[in-house]
Amino acid sequence: MKRKSLNFFIAALFLSILLIGTNSLSAPKKNSFFKAATVYRISKYVDFKGREENIVICHNSDNLFSQLLNKFNVNKRIIVVDLKMPSDDKCDIVYLEASKPRELVELTKKYITKPTILVSDKIGFTTINDGTIEFADEENKFGLIINTKRASSMGIGFNSKLVESAILVF
């Protein structure tokens, strides 16, 4: 059943790419599209130890990132929160932009002790900043680096499909 779910997600993502026509998107929009799609995918393959509630994804990215996450969110299982707006700080997944280094450091410090998946496109985020997931671009191939030690210390588990898709796991 999980295999069908993964295949459906991949097919839906591919169809979305075709329908949106990523060739007509500028480089920053393509970048936001793939980051939002990946964060959404991560939310589908995380086990917060039996929780049935919605997953809250917080970010310090642009409005396009929020719009794309909401577009992917067909089953309304996730709540998208812009960290620039006041919130109650109950984030399950926090995406931090590498292009905003001051915010990245401040928000990492704020969430590092909470049971939160910290995700960033910053090089070295999983090792230097003890983040959970890092977007990696190796030889023009997009992939994930996953720090399972941090996740398991916070009581968070990952579906094996997500871990197997990573380019590096430690």
C-alpha atoms as a PDB file:
ATOM      1  CA  MET A   1       0.000   0.000   0.000  1.00  0.00           C
ATOM      2  CA  LYS A   2       2.838   2.434   0.865  1.00  0.00           C
ATOM      3  CA  ARG A   3       4.457   1.637  -2.495  1.00  0.00           C
ATOM      4  CA  LYS A   4       1.240   2.696  -4.265  1.00  0.00           C
ATOM      5  CA  SER A   5       1.204   5.888  -2.208  1.00  0.00           C
ATOM      6  CA  LEU A   6       4.803   6.689  -3.179  1.00  0.00           C
ATOM      7  CA  ASN A   7       4.104   5.882  -6.841  1.00  0.00           C
ATOM      8  CA  PHE A   8       0.989   8.069  -6.745  1.00  0.00           C
ATOM      9  CA  PHE A   9       2.958  10.963  -5.238  1.00  0.00           C
ATOM     10  CA  ILE A  10       5.707  10.664  -7.848  1.00  0.00           C
ATOM     11  CA  ALA A  11       3.122  10.494 -10.653  1.00  0.00           C
ATOM     12  CA  ALA A  12       1.255  13.505  -9.220  1.00  0.00           C
ATOM     13  CA  LEU A  13       4.489  15.485  -8.886  1.00  0.00           C
ATOM     14  CA  PHE A  14       5.466  14.631 -12.466  1.00  0.00           C
ATOM     15  CA  LEU A  15       2.012  15.602 -13.715  1.00  0.00           C
ATOM     16  CA  SER A  16       2.217  18.883 -11.772  1.00  0.00           C
ATOM     17  CA  ILE A  17       5.536  19.635 -13.410  1.00  0.00           C
ATOM     18  CA  LEU A  18       4.051  18.977 -16.827  1.00  0.00           C
ATOM     19  CA  LEU A  19       0.938  21.032 -16.136  1.00  0.00           C
ATOM     20  CA  ILE A  20       2.815  23.973 -14.673  1.00  0.00           C
ATOM     21  CA  GLY A  21       5.484  23.680 -17.319  1.00  0.00           C
ATOM     22  CA  THR A  22       8.697  24.223 -15.428  1.00  0.00           C
ATOM     23  CA  ASN A  23      10.364  25.398 -18.649  1.00  0.00           C
ATOM     24  CA  SER A  24       8.285  28.557 -18.345  1.00  0.00           C
ATOM     25  CA  LEU A  25       9.356  29.068 -14.735  1.00  0.00           C
ATOM     26  CA  SER A  26      12.310  31.244 -13.841  1.00  0.00           C
ATOM     27  CA  ALA A  27      15.206  29.641 -11.939  1.00  0.00           C
ATOM     28  CA  PRO A  28      14.084  30.991  -8.517  1.00  0.00           C
ATOM     29  CA  LYS A  29      10.526  29.738  -9.125  1.00  0.00           C
ATOM     30  CA  LYS A  30      11.821  26.305 -10.156  1.00  0.00           C
ATOM     31  CA  ASN A  31      13.942  26.269  -7.026  1.00  0.00           C
ATOM     32  CA  SER A  32      10.932  27.112  -4.820  1.00  0.00           C
ATOM     33  CA  PHE A  33       8.849  24.496  -6.638  1.00  0.00           C
ATOM     34  CA  PHE A  34      11.320  21.681  -5.994  1.00  0.00           C
ATOM     35  CA  LYS A  35      11.984  22.760  -2.391  1.00  0.00           C
ATOM     36  CA  ALA A  36       8.262  22.964  -1.591  1.00  0.00           C
ATOM     37  CA  ALA A  37       7.610  19.611  -3.286  1.00  0.00           C
ATOM     38  CA  THR A  38      10.428  18.001  -1.314  1.00  0.00           C
ATOM     39  CA  VAL A  39       9.327  19.450   2.035  1.00  0.00           C
ATOM     40  CA  TYR A  40       5.810  18.207   1.281  1.00  0.00           C
ATOM     41  CA  ARG A  41       7.218  14.767   0.437  1.00  0.00           C
ATOM     42  CA  ILE A  42       9.178  14.745   3.702  1.00  0.00           C
ATOM     43  CA  SER A  43       5.948  15.465   5.601  1.00  0.00           C
ATOM     44  CA  LYS A  44       4.381  12.377   4.041  1.00  0.00           C
ATOM     45  CA  TYR A  45       7.176  10.037   5.169  1.00  0.00           C
ATOM     46  CA  VAL A  46       7.726  11.131   8.761  1.00  0.00           C
ATOM     47  CA  ASP A  47       6.512   9.275  11.830  1.00  0.00           C
ATOM     48  CA  PHE A  48       5.870  11.549  14.781  1.00  0.00           C
ATOM     49  CA  LYS A  49       5.290   8.441  16.907  1.00  0.00           C
ATOM     50  CA  GLY A  50       1.627   7.765  16.344  1.00  0.00           C
ATOM     51  CA  ARG A  51       0.328  11.315  16.174  1.00  0.00           C
ATOM     52  CA  GLU A  52      -2.879  11.666  14.191  1.00  0.00           C
ATOM     53  CA  GLU A  53      -2.944  15.472  14.160  1.00  0.00           C
ATOM     54  CA  ASN A  54      -2.126  17.752  11.253  1.00  0.00           C
ATOM     55  CA  ILE A  55       1.538  18.389  10.512  1.00  0.00           C
ATOM     56  CA  VAL A  56       2.620  22.025  10.866  1.00  0.00           C
ATOM     57  CA  ILE A  57       5.262  23.147   8.369  1.00  0.00           C
ATOM     58  CA  CYS A  58       6.890  26.466   9.247  1.00  0.00           C
ATOM     59  CA  HIS A  59       9.283  28.344   6.971  1.00  0.00           C
ATOM     60  CA  ASN A  60      11.171  31.571   6.466  1.00  0.00           C
ATOM     61  CA  SER A  61      10.970  31.363   2.683  1.00  0.00           C
ATOM     62  CA  ASP A  62       8.972  33.440   0.210  1.00  0.00           C
ATOM     63  CA  ASN A  63       5.224  33.567  -0.457  1.00  0.00           C
ATOM     64  CA  LEU A  64       5.615  31.296  -3.482  1.00  0.00           C
ATOM     65  CA  PHE A  65       6.901  28.543  -1.187  1.00  0.00           C
ATOM     66  CA  SER A  66       3.710  28.848   0.934  1.00  0.00           C
ATOM     67  CA  GLN A  67       1.472  28.904  -2.123  1.00  0.00           C
ATOM     68  CA  LEU A  68       3.114  25.801  -3.558  1.00  0.00           C
ATOM     69  CA  LEU A  69       2.897  23.887  -0.273  1.00  0.00           C
ATOM     70  CA  ASN A  70      -0.787  24.742  -0.047  1.00  0.00           C
ATOM     71  CA  LYS A  71      -1.301  23.634  -3.642  1.00  0.00           C
ATOM     72  CA  PHE A  72       0.323  20.238  -2.939  1.00  0.00           C
ATOM     73  CA  ASN A  73      -1.759  19.894   0.225  1.00  0.00           C
ATOM     74  CA  VAL A  74      -4.804  18.266  -1.392  1.00  0.00           C
ATOM     75  CA  ASN A  75      -5.814  16.221   1.658  1.00  0.00           C
ATOM     76  CA  LYS A  76      -5.431  19.232   4.016  1.00  0.00           C
ATOM     77  CA  ARG A  77      -3.184  17.234   6.345  1.00  0.00           C
ATOM     78  CA  ILE A  78      -0.608  20.019   6.688  1.00  0.00           C
ATOM     79  CA  ILE A  79      -0.796  23.554   8.000  1.00  0.00           C
ATOM     80  CA  VAL A  80       1.653  26.048   6.484  1.00  0.00           C
ATOM     81  CA  VAL A  81       3.020  28.793   8.762  1.00  0.00           C
ATOM     82  CA  ASP A  82       5.214  31.676   7.635  1.00  0.00           C
ATOM     83  CA  LEU A  83       7.725  32.354  10.427  1.00  0.00           C
ATOM     84  CA  LYS A  84       7.638  36.064   9.566  1.00  0.00           C
ATOM     85  CA  MET A  85       4.103  36.099  10.993  1.00  0.00           C
ATOM     86  CA  PRO A  86       3.296  35.682  14.707  1.00  0.00           C
ATOM     87  CA  SER A  87       2.584  32.048  15.564  1.00  0.00           C
ATOM     88  CA  ASP A  88       2.425  29.716  18.536  1.00  0.00           C
ATOM     89  CA  ASP A  89       5.721  28.091  17.453  1.00  0.00           C
ATOM     90  CA  LYS A  90       4.338  24.538  17.342  1.00  0.00           C
ATOM     91  CA  CYS A  91       6.180  23.535  14.201  1.00  0.00           C
ATOM     92  CA  ASP A  92       6.754  19.907  13.215  1.00  0.00           C
ATOM     93  CA  ILE A  93       8.924  20.733  10.218  1.00  0.00           C
ATOM     94  CA  VAL A  94      10.887  23.974   9.863  1.00  0.00           C
ATOM     95  CA  TYR A  95      12.345  24.902   6.462  1.00  0.00           C
ATOM     96  CA  LEU A  96      15.123  27.510   6.690  1.00  0.00           C
ATOM     97  CA  GLU A  97      16.507  29.352   3.665  1.00  0.00           C
ATOM     98  CA  ALA A  98      20.291  29.416   3.312  1.00  0.00           C
ATOM     99  CA  SER A  99      19.951  32.862   1.722  1.00  0.00           C
ATOM    100  CA  LYS A 100      18.874  34.235   5.109  1.00  0.00           C
ATOM    101  CA  PRO A 101      21.864  33.305   7.322  1.00  0.00           C
ATOM    102  CA  ARG A 102      20.950  35.412  10.373  1.00  0.00           C
ATOM    103  CA  GLU A 103      17.425  33.957  10.506  1.00  0.00           C
ATOM    104  CA  LEU A 104      18.801  30.469   9.871  1.00  0.00           C
ATOM    105  CA  VAL A 105      21.100  30.669  12.912  1.00  0.00           C
ATOM    106  CA  GLU A 106      18.466  32.265  15.179  1.00  0.00           C
ATOM    107  CA  LEU A 107      15.687  29.866  14.197  1.00  0.00           C
ATOM    108  CA  THR A 108      17.952  26.818  14.381  1.00  0.00           C
ATOM    109  CA  LYS A 109      18.845  27.776  17.967  1.00  0.00           C
ATOM    110  CA  LYS A 110      15.152  28.265  18.744  1.00  0.00           C
ATOM    111  CA  TYR A 111      14.025  24.869  17.397  1.00  0.00           C
ATOM    112  CA  ILE A 112      17.115  22.663  17.952  1.00  0.00           C
ATOM    113  CA  THR A 113      15.873  21.362  21.315  1.00  0.00           C
ATOM    114  CA  LYS A 114      12.288  20.802  20.166  1.00  0.00           C
ATOM    115  CA  PRO A 115      10.965  17.650  18.458  1.00  0.00           C
ATOM    116  CA  THR A 116      11.132  19.367  15.079  1.00  0.00           C
ATOM    117  CA  ILE A 117      12.567  18.350  11.730  1.00  0.00           C
ATOM    118  CA  LEU A 118      14.940  21.128  10.697  1.00  0.00           C
ATOM    119  CA  VAL A 119      15.375  21.337   6.913  1.00  0.00           C
ATOM    120  CA  SER A 120      17.606  23.694   4.923  1.00  0.00           C
ATOM    121  CA  ASP A 121      19.386  24.171   1.628  1.00  0.00           C
ATOM    122  CA  LYS A 122      22.477  25.441   3.485  1.00  0.00           C
ATOM    123  CA  ILE A 123      25.615  23.457   2.701  1.00  0.00           C
ATOM    124  CA  GLY A 124      26.716  21.621   5.841  1.00  0.00           C
ATOM    125  CA  PHE A 125      23.397  22.199   7.653  1.00  0.00           C
ATOM    126  CA  THR A 126      23.135  18.613   8.937  1.00  0.00           C
ATOM    127  CA  THR A 127      26.702  18.566  10.261  1.00  0.00           C
ATOM    128  CA  ILE A 128      27.609  22.145  11.220  1.00  0.00           C
ATOM    129  CA  ASN A 129      24.173  23.245  12.478  1.00  0.00           C
ATOM    130  CA  ASP A 130      22.979  19.770  13.583  1.00  0.00           C
ATOM    131  CA  GLY A 131      19.971  20.052  11.266  1.00  0.00           C
ATOM    132  CA  THR A 132      17.842  17.043  10.379  1.00  0.00           C
ATOM    133  CA  ILE A 133      17.674  17.240   6.579  1.00  0.00           C
ATOM    134  CA  GLU A 134      19.802  19.119   4.086  1.00  0.00           C
ATOM    135  CA  PHE A 135      19.055  19.658   0.408  1.00  0.00           C
ATOM    136  CA  ALA A 136      22.121  18.654  -1.560  1.00  0.00           C
ATOM    137  CA  ASP A 137      23.006  19.388  -5.157  1.00  0.00           C
ATOM    138  CA  GLU A 138      25.711  16.987  -6.233  1.00  0.00           C
ATOM    139  CA  GLU A 139      26.796  17.063  -9.889  1.00  0.00           C
ATOM    140  CA  ASN A 140      23.454  18.683 -10.818  1.00  0.00           C
ATOM    141  CA  LYS A 141      21.552  15.890  -9.060  1.00  0.00           C
ATOM    142  CA  PHE A 142      19.237  16.992  -6.301  1.00  0.00           C
ATOM    143  CA  GLY A 143      19.185  14.824  -3.176  1.00  0.00           C
ATOM    144  CA  LEU A 144      18.821  14.749   0.573  1.00  0.00           C
ATOM    145  CA  ILE A 145      21.288  14.332   3.412  1.00  0.00           C
ATOM    146  CA  ILE A 146      19.509  12.967   6.481  1.00  0.00           C
ATOM    147  CA  ASN A 147      20.742  13.155  10.069  1.00  0.00           C
ATOM    148  CA  THR A 148      18.802  10.200  11.532  1.00  0.00           C
ATOM    149  CA  LYS A 149      20.647  10.485  14.854  1.00  0.00           C
ATOM    150  CA  ARG A 150      19.133  13.902  15.535  1.00  0.00           C
ATOM    151  CA  ALA A 151      15.685  12.749  14.404  1.00  0.00           C
ATOM    152  CA  SER A 152      15.681   9.617  16.567  1.00  0.00           C
ATOM    153  CA  SER A 153      16.942  11.613  19.579  1.00  0.00           C
ATOM    154  CA  MET A 154      13.807  13.755  19.164  1.00  0.00           C
ATOM    155  CA  GLY A 155      11.496  10.738  18.849  1.00  0.00           C
ATOM    156  CA  ILE A 156      11.018  11.197  15.113  1.00  0.00           C
ATOM    157  CA  GLY A 157      11.225   8.349  12.619  1.00  0.00           C
ATOM    158  CA  PHE A 158      11.443   8.316   8.838  1.00  0.00           C
ATOM    159  CA  ASN A 159       9.798   5.906   6.427  1.00  0.00           C
ATOM    160  CA  SER A 160      12.422   3.666   4.839  1.00  0.00           C
ATOM    161  CA  LYS A 161      11.495   4.980   1.367  1.00  0.00           C
ATOM    162  CA  LEU A 162      12.638   8.465   2.337  1.00  0.00           C
ATOM    163  CA  VAL A 163      15.853   7.191   3.911  1.00  0.00           C
ATOM    164  CA  GLU A 164      16.611   4.979   0.887  1.00  0.00           C
ATOM    165  CA  SER A 165      16.135   7.965  -1.439  1.00  0.00           C
ATOM    166  CA  ALA A 166      18.774  10.031   0.411  1.00  0.00           C
ATOM    167  CA  ILE A 167      22.281  10.429  -0.962  1.00  0.00           C
ATOM    168  CA  LEU A 168      23.781  10.358   2.547  1.00  0.00           C
ATOM    169  CA  VAL A 169      22.387   9.117   5.869  1.00  0.00           C
ATOM    170  CA  PHE A 170      24.122   9.285   9.243  1.00  0.00           C
END
